[in-house]
Amino acid sequence: MLNSKKLRKLSLLKNYIEHLLSDIADNYEDARLYAKLSKERPEGHVMLNEQEKAEFEDWLGV
């Protein structure tokens, strides 16, 4: 029979594994969304020229 110390360790391990799996799922979903947007909206990969950058910074108030 398992004692309380072993049960506690198993519970901590279970929580750790669940947290890892949740993080992996979140990262996978983010990567999938990024790939989809990159394919459908490639304009997001175009760098701003100096004028556009200055206008954007002015708009932000930087």
PDB file of N, CA and C in Angstrom:
ATOM      1  N   MET A   1       0.840  -1.186   0.000  1.00  0.00           N
ATOM      2  CA  MET A   1       0.000   0.000   0.000  1.00  0.00           C
ATOM      3  C   MET A   1       0.886   1.250   0.000  1.00  0.00           C
ATOM      4  N   LEU A   2       0.453   2.270  -0.702  1.00  0.00           N
ATOM      5  CA  LEU A   2       1.231   3.502  -0.787  1.00  0.00           C
ATOM      6  C   LEU A   2       1.039   4.351   0.454  1.00  0.00           C
ATOM      7  N   ASN A   3       2.154   4.887   0.937  1.00  0.00           N
ATOM      8  CA  ASN A   3       2.022   5.775   2.089  1.00  0.00           C
ATOM      9  C   ASN A   3       1.762   7.204   1.616  1.00  0.00           C
ATOM     10  N   SER A   4       1.491   8.086   2.540  1.00  0.00           N
ATOM     11  CA  SER A   4       1.092   9.451   2.184  1.00  0.00           C
ATOM     12  C   SER A   4       2.212  10.220   1.492  1.00  0.00           C
ATOM     13  N   LYS A   5       3.476   9.926   1.828  1.00  0.00           N
ATOM     14  CA  LYS A   5       4.605  10.612   1.189  1.00  0.00           C
ATOM     15  C   LYS A   5       4.671  10.254  -0.299  1.00  0.00           C
ATOM     16  N   LYS A   6       4.501   8.978  -0.598  1.00  0.00           N
ATOM     17  CA  LYS A   6       4.526   8.525  -1.990  1.00  0.00           C
ATOM     18  C   LYS A   6       3.323   9.069  -2.756  1.00  0.00           C
ATOM     19  N   LEU A   7       2.174   9.085  -2.114  1.00  0.00           N
ATOM     20  CA  LEU A   7       0.986   9.640  -2.769  1.00  0.00           C
ATOM     21  C   LEU A   7       1.184  11.114  -3.093  1.00  0.00           C
ATOM     22  N   ARG A   8       1.806  11.840  -2.181  1.00  0.00           N
ATOM     23  CA  ARG A   8       2.072  13.269  -2.396  1.00  0.00           C
ATOM     24  C   ARG A   8       3.009  13.468  -3.586  1.00  0.00           C
ATOM     25  N   LYS A   9       4.070  12.645  -3.658  1.00  0.00           N
ATOM     26  CA  LYS A   9       5.013  12.737  -4.775  1.00  0.00           C
ATOM     27  C   LYS A   9       4.326  12.414  -6.098  1.00  0.00           C
ATOM     28  N   LEU A  10       3.493  11.396  -6.087  1.00  0.00           N
ATOM     29  CA  LEU A  10       2.764  11.036  -7.307  1.00  0.00           C
ATOM     30  C   LEU A  10       1.811  12.147  -7.726  1.00  0.00           C
ATOM     31  N   SER A  11       1.186  12.778  -6.761  1.00  0.00           N
ATOM     32  CA  SER A  11       0.279  13.884  -7.048  1.00  0.00           C
ATOM     33  C   SER A  11       1.038  15.067  -7.644  1.00  0.00           C
ATOM     34  N   LEU A  12       2.210  15.373  -7.078  1.00  0.00           N
ATOM     35  CA  LEU A  12       3.037  16.457  -7.612  1.00  0.00           C
ATOM     36  C   LEU A  12       3.498  16.139  -9.030  1.00  0.00           C
ATOM     37  N   LEU A  13       3.883  14.889  -9.260  1.00  0.00           N
ATOM     38  CA  LEU A  13       4.303  14.466 -10.592  1.00  0.00           C
ATOM     39  C   LEU A  13       3.151  14.587 -11.585  1.00  0.00           C
ATOM     40  N   LYS A  14       1.980  14.154 -11.178  1.00  0.00           N
ATOM     41  CA  LYS A  14       0.797  14.246 -12.040  1.00  0.00           C
ATOM     42  C   LYS A  14       0.510  15.704 -12.397  1.00  0.00           C
ATOM     43  N   ASN A  15       0.558  16.591 -11.410  1.00  0.00           N
ATOM     44  CA  ASN A  15       0.319  18.015 -11.667  1.00  0.00           C
ATOM     45  C   ASN A  15       1.368  18.596 -12.601  1.00  0.00           C
ATOM     46  N   TYR A  16       2.633  18.187 -12.411  1.00  0.00           N
ATOM     47  CA  TYR A  16       3.719  18.664 -13.261  1.00  0.00           C
ATOM     48  C   TYR A  16       3.507  18.219 -14.705  1.00  0.00           C
ATOM     49  N   ILE A  17       3.168  16.967 -14.903  1.00  0.00           N
ATOM     50  CA  ILE A  17       2.935  16.439 -16.250  1.00  0.00           C
ATOM     51  C   ILE A  17       1.745  17.139 -16.901  1.00  0.00           C
ATOM     52  N   GLU A  18       0.679  17.353 -16.147  1.00  0.00           N
ATOM     53  CA  GLU A  18      -0.487  18.053 -16.696  1.00  0.00           C
ATOM     54  C   GLU A  18      -0.123  19.468 -17.120  1.00  0.00           C
ATOM     55  N   HIS A  19       0.693  20.149 -16.315  1.00  0.00           N
ATOM     56  CA  HIS A  19       1.123  21.510 -16.647  1.00  0.00           C
ATOM     57  C   HIS A  19       1.973  21.508 -17.917  1.00  0.00           C
ATOM     58  N   LEU A  20       2.899  20.552 -18.026  1.00  0.00           N
ATOM     59  CA  LEU A  20       3.726  20.448 -19.228  1.00  0.00           C
ATOM     60  C   LEU A  20       2.876  20.207 -20.472  1.00  0.00           C
ATOM     61  N   LEU A  21       1.930  19.296 -20.371  1.00  0.00           N
ATOM     62  CA  LEU A  21       1.067  18.998 -21.516  1.00  0.00           C
ATOM     63  C   LEU A  21       0.225  20.203 -21.910  1.00  0.00           C
ATOM     64  N   SER A  22      -0.229  20.952 -20.935  1.00  0.00           N
ATOM     65  CA  SER A  22      -0.999  22.159 -21.216  1.00  0.00           C
ATOM     66  C   SER A  22      -0.142  23.189 -21.946  1.00  0.00           C
ATOM     67  N   ASP A  23       1.098  23.369 -21.492  1.00  0.00           N
ATOM     68  CA  ASP A  23       2.013  24.300 -22.157  1.00  0.00           C
ATOM     69  C   ASP A  23       2.310  23.860 -23.586  1.00  0.00           C
ATOM     70  N   ILE A  24       2.521  22.570 -23.777  1.00  0.00           N
ATOM     71  CA  ILE A  24       2.789  22.043 -25.115  1.00  0.00           C
ATOM     72  C   ILE A  24       1.598  22.304 -26.029  1.00  0.00           C
ATOM     73  N   ALA A  25       0.399  22.084 -25.535  1.00  0.00           N
ATOM     74  CA  ALA A  25      -0.808  22.318 -26.334  1.00  0.00           C
ATOM     75  C   ALA A  25      -0.949  23.800 -26.681  1.00  0.00           C
ATOM     76  N   ASP A  26      -0.686  24.683 -25.717  1.00  0.00           N
ATOM     77  CA  ASP A  26      -0.763  26.124 -25.983  1.00  0.00           C
ATOM     78  C   ASP A  26       0.252  26.541 -27.039  1.00  0.00           C
ATOM     79  N   ASN A  27       1.490  26.052 -26.910  1.00  0.00           N
ATOM     80  CA  ASN A  27       2.532  26.398 -27.875  1.00  0.00           C
ATOM     81  C   ASN A  27       2.205  25.857 -29.258  1.00  0.00           C
ATOM     82  N   TYR A  28       1.650  24.655 -29.315  1.00  0.00           N
ATOM     83  CA  TYR A  28       1.264  24.066 -30.593  1.00  0.00           C
ATOM     84  C   TYR A  28       0.188  24.914 -31.261  1.00  0.00           C
ATOM     85  N   GLU A  29      -0.789  25.344 -30.479  1.00  0.00           N
ATOM     86  CA  GLU A  29      -1.876  26.158 -31.027  1.00  0.00           C
ATOM     87  C   GLU A  29      -1.338  27.497 -31.524  1.00  0.00           C
ATOM     88  N   ASP A  30      -0.415  28.109 -30.767  1.00  0.00           N
ATOM     89  CA  ASP A  30       0.203  29.363 -31.193  1.00  0.00           C
ATOM     90  C   ASP A  30       0.967  29.175 -32.500  1.00  0.00           C
ATOM     91  N   ALA A  31       1.719  28.087 -32.596  1.00  0.00           N
ATOM     92  CA  ALA A  31       2.505  27.818 -33.798  1.00  0.00           C
ATOM     93  C   ALA A  31       1.593  27.578 -34.995  1.00  0.00           C
ATOM     94  N   ARG A  32       0.497  26.852 -34.773  1.00  0.00           N
ATOM     95  CA  ARG A  32      -0.462  26.603 -35.854  1.00  0.00           C
ATOM     96  C   ARG A  32      -1.093  27.899 -36.344  1.00  0.00           C
ATOM     97  N   LEU A  33      -1.477  28.761 -35.402  1.00  0.00           N
ATOM     98  CA  LEU A  33      -2.073  30.043 -35.756  1.00  0.00           C
ATOM     99  C   LEU A  33      -1.072  30.918 -36.501  1.00  0.00           C
ATOM    100  N   TYR A  34       0.182  30.957 -36.041  1.00  0.00           N
ATOM    101  CA  TYR A  34       1.214  31.741 -36.711  1.00  0.00           C
ATOM    102  C   TYR A  34       1.425  31.244 -38.140  1.00  0.00           C
ATOM    103  N   ALA A  35       1.490  29.931 -38.318  1.00  0.00           N
ATOM    104  CA  ALA A  35       1.678  29.367 -39.659  1.00  0.00           C
ATOM    105  C   ALA A  35       0.507  29.726 -40.566  1.00  0.00           C
ATOM    106  N   LYS A  36      -0.709  29.653 -40.033  1.00  0.00           N
ATOM    107  CA  LYS A  36      -1.897  29.981 -40.823  1.00  0.00           C
ATOM    108  C   LYS A  36      -1.889  31.454 -41.224  1.00  0.00           C
ATOM    109  N   LEU A  37      -1.607  32.330 -40.264  1.00  0.00           N
ATOM    110  CA  LEU A  37      -1.583  33.759 -40.570  1.00  0.00           C
ATOM    111  C   LEU A  37      -0.447  34.107 -41.527  1.00  0.00           C
ATOM    112  N   SER A  38       0.694  33.459 -41.376  1.00  0.00           N
ATOM    113  CA  SER A  38       1.823  33.712 -42.271  1.00  0.00           C
ATOM    114  C   SER A  38       1.473  33.336 -43.702  1.00  0.00           C
ATOM    115  N   LYS A  39       0.699  32.276 -43.842  1.00  0.00           N
ATOM    116  CA  LYS A  39       0.311  31.820 -45.177  1.00  0.00           C
ATOM    117  C   LYS A  39      -0.773  32.722 -45.771  1.00  0.00           C
ATOM    118  N   GLU A  40      -1.768  33.076 -44.951  1.00  0.00           N
ATOM    119  CA  GLU A  40      -2.908  33.840 -45.448  1.00  0.00           C
ATOM    120  C   GLU A  40      -2.658  35.347 -45.481  1.00  0.00           C
ATOM    121  N   ARG A  41      -1.800  35.857 -44.598  1.00  0.00           N
ATOM    122  CA  ARG A  41      -1.542  37.292 -44.501  1.00  0.00           C
ATOM    123  C   ARG A  41      -0.037  37.563 -44.518  1.00  0.00           C
ATOM    124  N   PRO A  42       0.652  37.264 -45.637  1.00  0.00           N
ATOM    125  CA  PRO A  42       2.115  37.385 -45.672  1.00  0.00           C
ATOM    126  C   PRO A  42       2.620  38.820 -45.542  1.00  0.00           C
ATOM    127  N   GLU A  43       1.728  39.808 -45.667  1.00  0.00           N
ATOM    128  CA  GLU A  43       2.186  41.193 -45.557  1.00  0.00           C
ATOM    129  C   GLU A  43       2.769  41.495 -44.179  1.00  0.00           C
ATOM    130  N   GLY A  44       2.482  40.668 -43.224  1.00  0.00           N
ATOM    131  CA  GLY A  44       3.042  40.854 -41.887  1.00  0.00           C
ATOM    132  C   GLY A  44       4.537  40.605 -41.823  1.00  0.00           C
ATOM    133  N   HIS A  45       5.098  40.011 -42.871  1.00  0.00           N
ATOM    134  CA  HIS A  45       6.532  39.730 -42.905  1.00  0.00           C
ATOM    135  C   HIS A  45       7.319  40.824 -43.620  1.00  0.00           C
ATOM    136  N   VAL A  46       6.636  41.825 -44.136  1.00  0.00           N
ATOM    137  CA  VAL A  46       7.317  42.902 -44.856  1.00  0.00           C
ATOM    138  C   VAL A  46       7.791  43.936 -43.846  1.00  0.00           C
ATOM    139  N   MET A  47       9.082  44.249 -43.894  1.00  0.00           N
ATOM    140  CA  MET A  47       9.653  45.226 -42.975  1.00  0.00           C
ATOM    141  C   MET A  47       9.215  46.633 -43.388  1.00  0.00           C
ATOM    142  N   LEU A  48       9.055  47.490 -42.391  1.00  0.00           N
ATOM    143  CA  LEU A  48       8.709  48.885 -42.647  1.00  0.00           C
ATOM    144  C   LEU A  48       9.924  49.629 -43.171  1.00  0.00           C
ATOM    145  N   ASN A  49       9.667  50.594 -44.067  1.00  0.00           N
ATOM    146  CA  ASN A  49      10.772  51.466 -44.443  1.00  0.00           C
ATOM    147  C   ASN A  49      10.913  52.536 -43.359  1.00  0.00           C
ATOM    148  N   GLU A  50      11.923  53.376 -43.459  1.00  0.00           N
ATOM    149  CA  GLU A  50      12.201  54.361 -42.405  1.00  0.00           C
ATOM    150  C   GLU A  50      11.040  55.333 -42.197  1.00  0.00           C
ATOM    151  N   GLN A  51      10.390  55.764 -43.296  1.00  0.00           N
ATOM    152  CA  GLN A  51       9.269  56.700 -43.170  1.00  0.00           C
ATOM    153  C   GLN A  51       8.094  56.036 -42.443  1.00  0.00           C
ATOM    154  N   GLU A  52       7.757  54.810 -42.849  1.00  0.00           N
ATOM    155  CA  GLU A  52       6.662  54.090 -42.194  1.00  0.00           C
ATOM    156  C   GLU A  52       6.968  53.849 -40.717  1.00  0.00           C
ATOM    157  N   LYS A  53       8.218  53.524 -40.431  1.00  0.00           N
ATOM    158  CA  LYS A  53       8.624  53.293 -39.047  1.00  0.00           C
ATOM    159  C   LYS A  53       8.461  54.568 -38.227  1.00  0.00           C
ATOM    160  N   ALA A  54       8.903  55.702 -38.782  1.00  0.00           N
ATOM    161  CA  ALA A  54       8.789  56.983 -38.075  1.00  0.00           C
ATOM    162  C   ALA A  54       7.324  57.349 -37.851  1.00  0.00           C
ATOM    163  N   GLU A  55       6.487  57.145 -38.869  1.00  0.00           N
ATOM    164  CA  GLU A  55       5.059  57.448 -38.729  1.00  0.00           C
ATOM    165  C   GLU A  55       4.415  56.563 -37.655  1.00  0.00           C
ATOM    166  N   PHE A  56       4.783  55.309 -37.629  1.00  0.00           N
ATOM    167  CA  PHE A  56       4.230  54.395 -36.636  1.00  0.00           C
ATOM    168  C   PHE A  56       4.678  54.779 -35.231  1.00  0.00           C
ATOM    169  N   GLU A  57       5.946  55.131 -35.094  1.00  0.00           N
ATOM    170  CA  GLU A  57       6.449  55.551 -33.784  1.00  0.00           C
ATOM    171  C   GLU A  57       5.781  56.842 -33.330  1.00  0.00           C
ATOM    172  N   ASP A  58       5.542  57.764 -34.267  1.00  0.00           N
ATOM    173  CA  ASP A  58       4.820  58.997 -33.919  1.00  0.00           C
ATOM    174  C   ASP A  58       3.405  58.664 -33.460  1.00  0.00           C
ATOM    175  N   TRP A  59       2.758  57.749 -34.162  1.00  0.00           N
ATOM    176  CA  TRP A  59       1.404  57.341 -33.802  1.00  0.00           C
ATOM    177  C   TRP A  59       1.372  56.733 -32.403  1.00  0.00           C
ATOM    178  N   LEU A  60       2.421  55.959 -32.072  1.00  0.00           N
ATOM    179  CA  LEU A  60       2.514  55.350 -30.746  1.00  0.00           C
ATOM    180  C   LEU A  60       2.915  56.361 -29.675  1.00  0.00           C
ATOM    181  N   GLY A  61       3.503  57.462 -30.121  1.00  0.00           N
ATOM    182  CA  GLY A  61       3.981  58.462 -29.171  1.00  0.00           C
ATOM    183  C   GLY A  61       5.323  58.092 -28.572  1.00  0.00           C
ATOM    184  N   VAL A  62       6.114  57.362 -29.328  1.00  0.00           N
ATOM    185  CA  VAL A  62       7.434  56.927 -28.837  1.00  0.00           C
ATOM    186  C   VAL A  62       8.478  57.961 -29.183  1.00  0.00           C
TER     187      VAL A  62
END
